[in-house]
Amino acid sequence: MTATANERIGFIGLGFMGHGMARNIVEKGYALTFLAHRNRAPAEDMLKRGATEAATARELAERSTIVFLCVTGSRQVEEIVRGKNGLKEGLKEGSVVVDCSTADPTSTTALAAELAPLGIDYADAPLGRTPKEAWEGTLDTMVGASDAVFARLKPVLETWAGRITHIGTTGDGHRMKLLNNFLSLGYAALYSEALALSAKVGIPPRRFDSVIRGSRMDCGFYQTFMRWVLEGDRDAHKFTLANGLKDLTYLESMANDAGVANPLGNAAKNSFLGAVTAGTEEYVPMLPTYVGRINGVDLAPKPKKD
């Protein structure tokens, strides 16, 4: 069942990433039913594009053969699947649930085992890149699924992803995503501490950047990350500090389960924990604001001098 006419798509989570993904699915020919987000603007946009709205996850499941979830994490996914009027009450045999959140692999594999006796497949397809790429249909995704389920999902994934990697079986997508986020969020913590130390010894962010940018230490994530400190761009990377803390907590759990020491992951987690507890501005590139503040330096964005 890979033909457009044979798959009916359900989508839950019209947030920063999900809105663009859902828009691409419906505009590329798939019948799509969505569950409204608290913010009605994406829902109204999807209705104008020809999608239909469901009142409950159960109703959405009854109308769908493949259901995509793009929510915060495992707690929300579990409630959507298992809760009252949840997906489990409406999914038919032969359906597939695709979890695009960054989730705890232990929860992912438990949900897959719970749904398997009902003839329902479960796959994980967490995301890489930003809402801009979601809107353009060029996200990255790393997929945990059987070969047969992956082959079935791929035509739908291609509506919103430019780079699709079949990592392994169910749970492996989320494991790989946690490793990916360990690197990116670890860089964020490292950049923030380096910027604070740099400012403390008299080297301001622009001078710091003039050495790093274009060097072997430069990368796409660094350039995106620095747009807050250098330009005050709040929307440079719309991934919250709270979500970063959640992902590093999942990483810690995965490392504990594997019996692997994770001191750098714990250090990064503590940096994010401090920022979230202090109520620092919401997105990951704003972490230097907090790290600077606790070290007595001001890393709030400054206007560029002519």
C-alpha atoms as a PDB file:
ATOM      1  CA  MET A   1       0.000   0.000   0.000  1.00  0.00           C
ATOM      2  CA  THR A   2       2.182   2.854  -1.218  1.00  0.00           C
ATOM      3  CA  ALA A   3      -0.158   4.546  -3.695  1.00  0.00           C
ATOM      4  CA  THR A   4      -1.484   7.944  -2.684  1.00  0.00           C
ATOM      5  CA  ALA A   5      -5.093   6.801  -3.089  1.00  0.00           C
ATOM      6  CA  ASN A   6      -4.643   3.894  -0.693  1.00  0.00           C
ATOM      7  CA  GLU A   7      -3.107   5.690   2.291  1.00  0.00           C
ATOM      8  CA  ARG A   8      -5.080   8.050   4.498  1.00  0.00           C
ATOM      9  CA  ILE A   9      -2.810  10.092   6.736  1.00  0.00           C
ATOM     10  CA  GLY A  10      -3.503  11.254  10.270  1.00  0.00           C
ATOM     11  CA  PHE A  11      -1.344  13.981  11.811  1.00  0.00           C
ATOM     12  CA  ILE A  12      -1.130  15.068  15.449  1.00  0.00           C
ATOM     13  CA  GLY A  13       1.101  18.004  16.384  1.00  0.00           C
ATOM     14  CA  LEU A  14       0.791  21.115  14.187  1.00  0.00           C
ATOM     15  CA  GLY A  15       3.606  22.936  15.983  1.00  0.00           C
ATOM     16  CA  PHE A  16       6.786  24.543  14.638  1.00  0.00           C
ATOM     17  CA  MET A  17       7.792  21.415  12.712  1.00  0.00           C
ATOM     18  CA  GLY A  18       4.480  19.639  12.305  1.00  0.00           C
ATOM     19  CA  HIS A  19       2.647  22.405  10.471  1.00  0.00           C
ATOM     20  CA  GLY A  20       5.134  22.398   7.603  1.00  0.00           C
ATOM     21  CA  MET A  21       5.220  18.600   7.472  1.00  0.00           C
ATOM     22  CA  ALA A  22       1.432  18.300   7.376  1.00  0.00           C
ATOM     23  CA  ARG A  23       1.194  21.015   4.742  1.00  0.00           C
ATOM     24  CA  ASN A  24       3.588  19.105   2.487  1.00  0.00           C
ATOM     25  CA  ILE A  25       1.709  15.823   2.963  1.00  0.00           C
ATOM     26  CA  VAL A  26      -1.639  17.282   1.923  1.00  0.00           C
ATOM     27  CA  GLU A  27      -0.286  19.440  -0.898  1.00  0.00           C
ATOM     28  CA  LYS A  28       1.454  16.432  -2.427  1.00  0.00           C
ATOM     29  CA  GLY A  29      -1.756  14.517  -2.789  1.00  0.00           C
ATOM     30  CA  TYR A  30      -2.485  12.599   0.405  1.00  0.00           C
ATOM     31  CA  ALA A  31      -5.823  12.743   2.198  1.00  0.00           C
ATOM     32  CA  LEU A  32      -4.995  14.112   5.641  1.00  0.00           C
ATOM     33  CA  THR A  33      -6.895  14.365   8.920  1.00  0.00           C
ATOM     34  CA  PHE A  34      -5.380  16.391  11.754  1.00  0.00           C
ATOM     35  CA  LEU A  35      -5.984  16.989  15.437  1.00  0.00           C
ATOM     36  CA  ALA A  36      -5.992  20.696  16.204  1.00  0.00           C
ATOM     37  CA  HIS A  37      -3.185  22.363  18.113  1.00  0.00           C
ATOM     38  CA  ARG A  38      -3.962  24.910  20.840  1.00  0.00           C
ATOM     39  CA  ASN A  39      -2.974  27.560  18.320  1.00  0.00           C
ATOM     40  CA  ARG A  40      -5.832  27.632  15.817  1.00  0.00           C
ATOM     41  CA  ALA A  41      -3.840  29.379  13.067  1.00  0.00           C
ATOM     42  CA  PRO A  42      -2.159  26.185  11.717  1.00  0.00           C
ATOM     43  CA  ALA A  43      -5.488  24.336  11.883  1.00  0.00           C
ATOM     44  CA  GLU A  44      -7.267  27.011   9.869  1.00  0.00           C
ATOM     45  CA  ASP A  45      -4.433  26.980   7.334  1.00  0.00           C
ATOM     46  CA  MET A  46      -4.669  23.195   6.967  1.00  0.00           C
ATOM     47  CA  LEU A  47      -8.443  23.359   6.464  1.00  0.00           C
ATOM     48  CA  LYS A  48      -7.920  25.848   3.635  1.00  0.00           C
ATOM     49  CA  ARG A  49      -5.466  23.413   2.025  1.00  0.00           C
ATOM     50  CA  GLY A  50      -8.044  20.632   1.985  1.00  0.00           C
ATOM     51  CA  ALA A  51      -7.279  18.708   5.177  1.00  0.00           C
ATOM     52  CA  THR A  52     -10.022  17.659   7.581  1.00  0.00           C
ATOM     53  CA  GLU A  53     -10.140  18.063  11.349  1.00  0.00           C
ATOM     54  CA  ALA A  54     -10.865  15.365  13.937  1.00  0.00           C
ATOM     55  CA  ALA A  55     -12.183  16.048  17.418  1.00  0.00           C
ATOM     56  CA  THR A  56     -10.234  13.241  19.148  1.00  0.00           C
ATOM     57  CA  ALA A  57      -7.233  11.016  18.539  1.00  0.00           C
ATOM     58  CA  ARG A  58      -9.616   8.065  18.340  1.00  0.00           C
ATOM     59  CA  GLU A  59     -11.630   9.706  15.559  1.00  0.00           C
ATOM     60  CA  LEU A  60      -8.428  10.565  13.703  1.00  0.00           C
ATOM     61  CA  ALA A  61      -7.236   6.957  14.014  1.00  0.00           C
ATOM     62  CA  GLU A  62     -10.511   5.627  12.640  1.00  0.00           C
ATOM     63  CA  ARG A  63     -10.034   7.731   9.501  1.00  0.00           C
ATOM     64  CA  SER A  64      -6.345   6.929   8.958  1.00  0.00           C
ATOM     65  CA  THR A  65      -4.056   4.145   7.778  1.00  0.00           C
ATOM     66  CA  ILE A  66      -0.838   5.947   8.807  1.00  0.00           C
ATOM     67  CA  VAL A  67      -0.716   8.305  11.798  1.00  0.00           C
ATOM     68  CA  PHE A  68       2.175  10.732  12.339  1.00  0.00           C
ATOM     69  CA  LEU A  69       2.886  12.137  15.802  1.00  0.00           C
ATOM     70  CA  CYS A  70       4.978  15.295  16.117  1.00  0.00           C
ATOM     71  CA  VAL A  71       4.730  16.225  19.786  1.00  0.00           C
ATOM     72  CA  THR A  72       7.100  17.035  22.636  1.00  0.00           C
ATOM     73  CA  GLY A  73       8.163  13.636  23.912  1.00  0.00           C
ATOM     74  CA  SER A  74       7.285  10.227  25.324  1.00  0.00           C
ATOM     75  CA  ARG A  75       4.826  11.378  27.995  1.00  0.00           C
ATOM     76  CA  GLN A  76       2.675  13.107  25.371  1.00  0.00           C
ATOM     77  CA  VAL A  77       2.989  10.203  22.918  1.00  0.00           C
ATOM     78  CA  GLU A  78       1.915   7.680  25.555  1.00  0.00           C
ATOM     79  CA  GLU A  79      -1.153   9.759  26.415  1.00  0.00           C
ATOM     80  CA  ILE A  80      -2.124  10.113  22.742  1.00  0.00           C
ATOM     81  CA  VAL A  81      -1.823   6.369  22.164  1.00  0.00           C
ATOM     82  CA  ARG A  82      -3.188   4.990  25.434  1.00  0.00           C
ATOM     83  CA  GLY A  83      -5.424   7.729  26.823  1.00  0.00           C
ATOM     84  CA  LYS A  84      -9.189   8.030  26.744  1.00  0.00           C
ATOM     85  CA  ASN A  85     -10.340   8.430  23.132  1.00  0.00           C
ATOM     86  CA  GLY A  86      -6.717   7.734  22.157  1.00  0.00           C
ATOM     87  CA  LEU A  87      -5.272   6.182  19.033  1.00  0.00           C
ATOM     88  CA  LYS A  88      -5.377   2.647  20.431  1.00  0.00           C
ATOM     89  CA  GLU A  89      -9.174   2.805  20.614  1.00  0.00           C
ATOM     90  CA  GLY A  90      -9.522   3.697  16.928  1.00  0.00           C
ATOM     91  CA  LEU A  91      -6.624   2.146  15.026  1.00  0.00           C
ATOM     92  CA  LYS A  92      -7.458  -0.724  12.708  1.00  0.00           C
ATOM     93  CA  GLU A  93      -5.350  -3.787  11.982  1.00  0.00           C
ATOM     94  CA  GLY A  94      -2.760  -2.918   9.345  1.00  0.00           C
ATOM     95  CA  SER A  95      -2.330   0.677  10.540  1.00  0.00           C
ATOM     96  CA  VAL A  96       1.045   2.267  11.262  1.00  0.00           C
ATOM     97  CA  VAL A  97       1.904   4.845  13.944  1.00  0.00           C
ATOM     98  CA  VAL A  98       4.970   6.971  13.152  1.00  0.00           C
ATOM     99  CA  ASP A  99       6.484   8.872  16.091  1.00  0.00           C
ATOM    100  CA  CYS A 100       8.435  11.893  14.828  1.00  0.00           C
ATOM    101  CA  SER A 101       9.099  13.313  18.285  1.00  0.00           C
ATOM    102  CA  THR A 102      12.391  12.970  20.134  1.00  0.00           C
ATOM    103  CA  ALA A 103      11.425  10.263  22.598  1.00  0.00           C
ATOM    104  CA  ASP A 104      12.746   7.779  25.128  1.00  0.00           C
ATOM    105  CA  PRO A 105      13.587   4.573  23.179  1.00  0.00           C
ATOM    106  CA  THR A 106      12.402   2.444  26.108  1.00  0.00           C
ATOM    107  CA  SER A 107       8.930   3.956  25.772  1.00  0.00           C
ATOM    108  CA  THR A 108       9.053   3.576  21.984  1.00  0.00           C
ATOM    109  CA  THR A 109       9.773  -0.143  22.091  1.00  0.00           C
ATOM    110  CA  ALA A 110       7.167  -0.678  24.824  1.00  0.00           C
ATOM    111  CA  LEU A 111       4.468   1.008  22.710  1.00  0.00           C
ATOM    112  CA  ALA A 112       5.493  -1.050  19.678  1.00  0.00           C
ATOM    113  CA  ALA A 113       5.188  -4.270  21.701  1.00  0.00           C
ATOM    114  CA  GLU A 114       1.796  -3.186  23.040  1.00  0.00           C
ATOM    115  CA  LEU A 115       0.354  -2.480  19.576  1.00  0.00           C
ATOM    116  CA  ALA A 116       1.894  -5.445  17.733  1.00  0.00           C
ATOM    117  CA  PRO A 117      -0.698  -8.044  18.939  1.00  0.00           C
ATOM    118  CA  LEU A 118      -3.407  -5.780  17.485  1.00  0.00           C
ATOM    119  CA  GLY A 119      -1.766  -5.922  14.047  1.00  0.00           C
ATOM    120  CA  ILE A 120      -0.589  -2.302  14.304  1.00  0.00           C
ATOM    121  CA  ASP A 121       2.992  -1.389  13.360  1.00  0.00           C
ATOM    122  CA  TYR A 122       4.981   1.279  15.175  1.00  0.00           C
ATOM    123  CA  ALA A 123       7.876   3.229  13.681  1.00  0.00           C
ATOM    124  CA  ASP A 124      10.033   6.087  14.909  1.00  0.00           C
ATOM    125  CA  ALA A 125      11.112   8.834  12.508  1.00  0.00           C
ATOM    126  CA  PRO A 126      12.579  11.714  14.549  1.00  0.00           C
ATOM    127  CA  LEU A 127      13.552  14.887  12.740  1.00  0.00           C
ATOM    128  CA  GLY A 128      16.644  16.882  11.908  1.00  0.00           C
ATOM    129  CA  ARG A 129      16.926  20.536  10.832  1.00  0.00           C
ATOM    130  CA  THR A 130      14.469  23.372  11.506  1.00  0.00           C
ATOM    131  CA  PRO A 131      10.916  24.645  10.861  1.00  0.00           C
ATOM    132  CA  LYS A 132      12.217  26.351   7.699  1.00  0.00           C
ATOM    133  CA  GLU A 133      13.128  22.970   6.186  1.00  0.00           C
ATOM    134  CA  ALA A 134       9.846  21.496   7.455  1.00  0.00           C
ATOM    135  CA  TRP A 135       7.979  24.104   5.414  1.00  0.00           C
ATOM    136  CA  GLU A 136      10.204  23.496   2.393  1.00  0.00           C
ATOM    137  CA  GLY A 137       9.851  19.699   2.637  1.00  0.00           C
ATOM    138  CA  THR A 138      13.595  19.144   3.111  1.00  0.00           C
ATOM    139  CA  LEU A 139      13.874  17.846   6.680  1.00  0.00           C
ATOM    140  CA  ASP A 140      16.190  15.029   7.687  1.00  0.00           C
ATOM    141  CA  THR A 141      14.691  11.950   9.309  1.00  0.00           C
ATOM    142  CA  MET A 142      16.201   8.804  10.806  1.00  0.00           C
ATOM    143  CA  VAL A 143      13.769   5.913  10.720  1.00  0.00           C
ATOM    144  CA  GLY A 144      13.427   2.897  12.992  1.00  0.00           C
ATOM    145  CA  ALA A 145      11.162   0.315  11.337  1.00  0.00           C
ATOM    146  CA  SER A 146      11.112  -3.104   9.716  1.00  0.00           C
ATOM    147  CA  ASP A 147      12.101  -3.205   6.047  1.00  0.00           C
ATOM    148  CA  ALA A 148       8.486  -3.727   4.979  1.00  0.00           C
ATOM    149  CA  VAL A 149       7.132  -0.851   7.072  1.00  0.00           C
ATOM    150  CA  PHE A 150       9.935   1.449   5.914  1.00  0.00           C
ATOM    151  CA  ALA A 151       9.135   0.684   2.261  1.00  0.00           C
ATOM    152  CA  ARG A 152       5.479   1.511   2.909  1.00  0.00           C
ATOM    153  CA  LEU A 153       6.272   4.758   4.727  1.00  0.00           C
ATOM    154  CA  LYS A 154       8.954   6.080   2.392  1.00  0.00           C
ATOM    155  CA  PRO A 155       6.652   7.682  -0.232  1.00  0.00           C
ATOM    156  CA  VAL A 156       4.909   9.639   2.520  1.00  0.00           C
ATOM    157  CA  LEU A 157       8.182  10.582   4.230  1.00  0.00           C
ATOM    158  CA  GLU A 158       9.434  11.914   0.896  1.00  0.00           C
ATOM    159  CA  THR A 159       6.710  14.563   0.934  1.00  0.00           C
ATOM    160  CA  TRP A 160       8.431  16.379   3.808  1.00  0.00           C
ATOM    161  CA  ALA A 161      11.978  14.974   4.049  1.00  0.00           C
ATOM    162  CA  GLY A 162      14.932  15.508   1.767  1.00  0.00           C
ATOM    163  CA  ARG A 163      17.219  13.069   3.563  1.00  0.00           C
ATOM    164  CA  ILE A 164      15.738   9.794   4.812  1.00  0.00           C
ATOM    165  CA  THR A 165      17.981   7.290   6.598  1.00  0.00           C
ATOM    166  CA  HIS A 166      16.715   3.844   7.589  1.00  0.00           C
ATOM    167  CA  ILE A 167      18.695   3.374  10.799  1.00  0.00           C
ATOM    168  CA  GLY A 168      17.356   0.007  11.915  1.00  0.00           C
ATOM    169  CA  THR A 169      14.406  -1.506  13.769  1.00  0.00           C
ATOM    170  CA  THR A 170      11.829   0.281  15.916  1.00  0.00           C
ATOM    171  CA  GLY A 171      13.569   2.354  18.591  1.00  0.00           C
ATOM    172  CA  ASP A 172      16.782   2.847  16.620  1.00  0.00           C
ATOM    173  CA  GLY A 173      15.554   6.117  15.124  1.00  0.00           C
ATOM    174  CA  HIS A 174      15.050   7.569  18.583  1.00  0.00           C
ATOM    175  CA  ARG A 175      18.387   6.176  19.781  1.00  0.00           C
ATOM    176  CA  MET A 176      20.167   7.858  16.871  1.00  0.00           C
ATOM    177  CA  LYS A 177      18.267  11.104  17.415  1.00  0.00           C
ATOM    178  CA  LEU A 178      19.424  11.234  21.029  1.00  0.00           C
ATOM    179  CA  LEU A 179      23.015  10.768  19.864  1.00  0.00           C
ATOM    180  CA  ASN A 180      22.544  13.496  17.258  1.00  0.00           C
ATOM    181  CA  ASN A 181      21.117  15.865  19.877  1.00  0.00           C
ATOM    182  CA  PHE A 182      23.889  14.990  22.317  1.00  0.00           C
ATOM    183  CA  LEU A 183      26.325  16.415  19.770  1.00  0.00           C
ATOM    184  CA  SER A 184      24.317  19.534  18.951  1.00  0.00           C
ATOM    185  CA  LEU A 185      23.288  20.346  22.535  1.00  0.00           C
ATOM    186  CA  GLY A 186      26.786  19.514  23.751  1.00  0.00           C
ATOM    187  CA  TYR A 187      28.124  22.051  21.244  1.00  0.00           C
ATOM    188  CA  ALA A 188      25.572  24.581  22.533  1.00  0.00           C
ATOM    189  CA  ALA A 189      26.828  24.147  26.104  1.00  0.00           C
ATOM    190  CA  LEU A 190      30.456  24.317  24.954  1.00  0.00           C
ATOM    191  CA  TYR A 191      29.917  27.447  22.819  1.00  0.00           C
ATOM    192  CA  SER A 192      28.080  29.133  25.697  1.00  0.00           C
ATOM    193  CA  GLU A 193      30.862  28.488  28.195  1.00  0.00           C
ATOM    194  CA  ALA A 194      33.539  29.528  25.697  1.00  0.00           C
ATOM    195  CA  LEU A 195      31.692  32.785  24.956  1.00  0.00           C
ATOM    196  CA  ALA A 196      31.347  33.545  28.664  1.00  0.00           C
ATOM    197  CA  LEU A 197      35.034  32.893  29.320  1.00  0.00           C
ATOM    198  CA  SER A 198      35.981  34.864  26.229  1.00  0.00           C
ATOM    199  CA  ALA A 199      33.974  37.884  27.368  1.00  0.00           C
ATOM    200  CA  LYS A 200      35.329  37.578  30.929  1.00  0.00           C
ATOM    201  CA  VAL A 201      38.924  37.856  29.680  1.00  0.00           C
ATOM    202  CA  GLY A 202      38.123  40.809  27.445  1.00  0.00           C
ATOM    203  CA  ILE A 203      37.400  39.212  24.052  1.00  0.00           C
ATOM    204  CA  PRO A 204      33.854  40.165  22.956  1.00  0.00           C
ATOM    205  CA  PRO A 205      31.638  37.808  20.931  1.00  0.00           C
ATOM    206  CA  ARG A 206      32.268  39.451  17.549  1.00  0.00           C
ATOM    207  CA  ARG A 207      36.033  39.171  17.962  1.00  0.00           C
ATOM    208  CA  PHE A 208      35.632  35.558  19.129  1.00  0.00           C
ATOM    209  CA  ASP A 209      33.493  34.855  16.072  1.00  0.00           C
ATOM    210  CA  SER A 210      36.009  36.467  13.711  1.00  0.00           C
ATOM    211  CA  VAL A 211      38.470  33.679  14.603  1.00  0.00           C
ATOM    212  CA  ILE A 212      36.087  30.702  14.738  1.00  0.00           C
ATOM    213  CA  ARG A 213      33.979  31.497  11.659  1.00  0.00           C
ATOM    214  CA  GLY A 214      35.582  29.999   8.576  1.00  0.00           C
ATOM    215  CA  SER A 215      38.046  27.939  10.623  1.00  0.00           C
ATOM    216  CA  ARG A 216      38.072  24.171  11.151  1.00  0.00           C
ATOM    217  CA  MET A 217      35.906  24.781  14.230  1.00  0.00           C
ATOM    218  CA  ASP A 218      33.127  26.343  12.146  1.00  0.00           C
ATOM    219  CA  CYS A 219      30.001  24.416  11.140  1.00  0.00           C
ATOM    220  CA  GLY A 220      26.383  24.994  10.202  1.00  0.00           C
ATOM    221  CA  PHE A 221      25.173  24.570  13.779  1.00  0.00           C
ATOM    222  CA  TYR A 222      27.721  27.110  15.042  1.00  0.00           C
ATOM    223  CA  GLN A 223      26.541  29.676  12.495  1.00  0.00           C
ATOM    224  CA  THR A 224      22.890  29.169  13.419  1.00  0.00           C
ATOM    225  CA  PHE A 225      23.664  29.200  17.134  1.00  0.00           C
ATOM    226  CA  MET A 226      25.618  32.474  16.946  1.00  0.00           C
ATOM    227  CA  ARG A 227      22.806  34.406  15.283  1.00  0.00           C
ATOM    228  CA  TRP A 228      21.274  35.186  18.684  1.00  0.00           C
ATOM    229  CA  VAL A 229      24.400  36.612  20.313  1.00  0.00           C
ATOM    230  CA  LEU A 230      25.583  38.444  17.183  1.00  0.00           C
ATOM    231  CA  GLU A 231      22.294  39.525  15.596  1.00  0.00           C
ATOM    232  CA  GLY A 232      19.596  39.092  18.223  1.00  0.00           C
ATOM    233  CA  ASP A 233      17.730  36.699  15.940  1.00  0.00           C
ATOM    234  CA  ARG A 234      15.184  34.994  18.226  1.00  0.00           C
ATOM    235  CA  ASP A 235      14.078  32.667  15.448  1.00  0.00           C
ATOM    236  CA  ALA A 236      17.529  31.404  14.433  1.00  0.00           C
ATOM    237  CA  HIS A 237      16.850  27.955  15.898  1.00  0.00           C
ATOM    238  CA  LYS A 238      13.354  27.531  17.327  1.00  0.00           C
ATOM    239  CA  PHE A 239      14.142  24.623  19.625  1.00  0.00           C
ATOM    240  CA  THR A 240      13.435  25.291  23.259  1.00  0.00           C
ATOM    241  CA  LEU A 241      15.859  24.994  26.132  1.00  0.00           C
ATOM    242  CA  ALA A 242      13.237  22.884  27.915  1.00  0.00           C
ATOM    243  CA  ASN A 243      13.187  20.414  25.010  1.00  0.00           C
ATOM    244  CA  GLY A 244      16.973  20.337  25.056  1.00  0.00           C
ATOM    245  CA  LEU A 245      16.898  19.445  28.753  1.00  0.00           C
ATOM    246  CA  LYS A 246      14.322  16.735  28.055  1.00  0.00           C
ATOM    247  CA  ASP A 247      16.479  15.193  25.311  1.00  0.00           C
ATOM    248  CA  LEU A 248      19.625  15.190  27.440  1.00  0.00           C
ATOM    249  CA  THR A 249      17.638  13.532  30.246  1.00  0.00           C
ATOM    250  CA  TYR A 250      16.561  10.814  27.792  1.00  0.00           C
ATOM    251  CA  LEU A 251      20.201  10.462  26.727  1.00  0.00           C
ATOM    252  CA  GLU A 252      21.232   9.980  30.352  1.00  0.00           C
ATOM    253  CA  SER A 253      18.624   7.239  30.727  1.00  0.00           C
ATOM    254  CA  MET A 254      19.805   5.521  27.539  1.00  0.00           C
ATOM    255  CA  ALA A 255      23.431   5.649  28.710  1.00  0.00           C
ATOM    256  CA  ASN A 256      22.463   4.240  32.110  1.00  0.00           C
ATOM    257  CA  ASP A 257      20.555   1.389  30.478  1.00  0.00           C
ATOM    258  CA  ALA A 258      23.566   0.635  28.256  1.00  0.00           C
ATOM    259  CA  GLY A 259      26.014   0.807  31.182  1.00  0.00           C
ATOM    260  CA  VAL A 260      28.002   3.630  29.557  1.00  0.00           C
ATOM    261  CA  ALA A 261      29.523   6.523  31.527  1.00  0.00           C
ATOM    262  CA  ASN A 262      28.164   9.807  30.163  1.00  0.00           C
ATOM    263  CA  PRO A 263      29.977  12.617  32.038  1.00  0.00           C
ATOM    264  CA  LEU A 264      29.908  15.094  29.130  1.00  0.00           C
ATOM    265  CA  GLY A 265      26.217  14.477  28.545  1.00  0.00           C
ATOM    266  CA  ASN A 266      25.538  15.102  32.235  1.00  0.00           C
ATOM    267  CA  ALA A 267      27.577  18.308  32.147  1.00  0.00           C
ATOM    268  CA  ALA A 268      25.577  19.573  29.155  1.00  0.00           C
ATOM    269  CA  LYS A 269      22.331  18.541  30.855  1.00  0.00           C
ATOM    270  CA  ASN A 270      23.246  20.523  33.971  1.00  0.00           C
ATOM    271  CA  SER A 271      23.928  23.615  31.857  1.00  0.00           C
ATOM    272  CA  PHE A 272      20.467  23.351  30.317  1.00  0.00           C
ATOM    273  CA  LEU A 273      18.898  22.564  33.690  1.00  0.00           C
ATOM    274  CA  GLY A 274      20.319  25.747  35.176  1.00  0.00           C
ATOM    275  CA  ALA A 275      19.015  27.845  32.305  1.00  0.00           C
ATOM    276  CA  VAL A 276      15.524  26.315  32.386  1.00  0.00           C
ATOM    277  CA  THR A 277      15.305  26.644  36.183  1.00  0.00           C
ATOM    278  CA  ALA A 278      16.368  30.294  35.918  1.00  0.00           C
ATOM    279  CA  GLY A 279      13.698  31.004  33.313  1.00  0.00           C
ATOM    280  CA  THR A 280      16.144  32.057  30.603  1.00  0.00           C
ATOM    281  CA  GLU A 281      14.723  33.060  27.198  1.00  0.00           C
ATOM    282  CA  GLU A 282      13.260  30.075  25.509  1.00  0.00           C
ATOM    283  CA  TYR A 283      15.452  28.868  22.627  1.00  0.00           C
ATOM    284  CA  VAL A 284      18.762  26.974  22.576  1.00  0.00           C
ATOM    285  CA  PRO A 285      20.881  29.812  21.064  1.00  0.00           C
ATOM    286  CA  MET A 286      19.933  31.896  24.131  1.00  0.00           C
ATOM    287  CA  LEU A 287      21.882  29.594  26.465  1.00  0.00           C
ATOM    288  CA  PRO A 288      24.915  31.988  26.456  1.00  0.00           C
ATOM    289  CA  THR A 289      22.673  34.646  28.049  1.00  0.00           C
ATOM    290  CA  TYR A 290      22.280  32.441  31.119  1.00  0.00           C
ATOM    291  CA  VAL A 291      25.872  31.151  31.225  1.00  0.00           C
ATOM    292  CA  GLY A 292      27.162  34.706  30.864  1.00  0.00           C
ATOM    293  CA  ARG A 293      24.860  36.007  33.594  1.00  0.00           C
ATOM    294  CA  ILE A 294      25.992  33.473  36.213  1.00  0.00           C
ATOM    295  CA  ASN A 295      29.605  34.370  35.390  1.00  0.00           C
ATOM    296  CA  GLY A 296      29.119  38.116  35.622  1.00  0.00           C
ATOM    297  CA  VAL A 297      29.260  38.985  31.915  1.00  0.00           C
ATOM    298  CA  ASP A 298      26.563  40.338  29.631  1.00  0.00           C
ATOM    299  CA  LEU A 299      26.110  38.222  26.513  1.00  0.00           C
ATOM    300  CA  ALA A 300      22.787  39.736  25.493  1.00  0.00           C
ATOM    301  CA  PRO A 301      22.827  40.696  21.780  1.00  0.00           C
ATOM    302  CA  LYS A 302      24.465  44.022  20.975  1.00  0.00           C
ATOM    303  CA  PRO A 303      23.764  46.186  17.905  1.00  0.00           C
ATOM    304  CA  LYS A 304      26.505  45.891  15.294  1.00  0.00           C
ATOM    305  CA  LYS A 305      28.621  49.046  15.095  1.00  0.00           C
ATOM    306  CA  ASP A 306      29.266  50.559  11.688  1.00  0.00           C
END
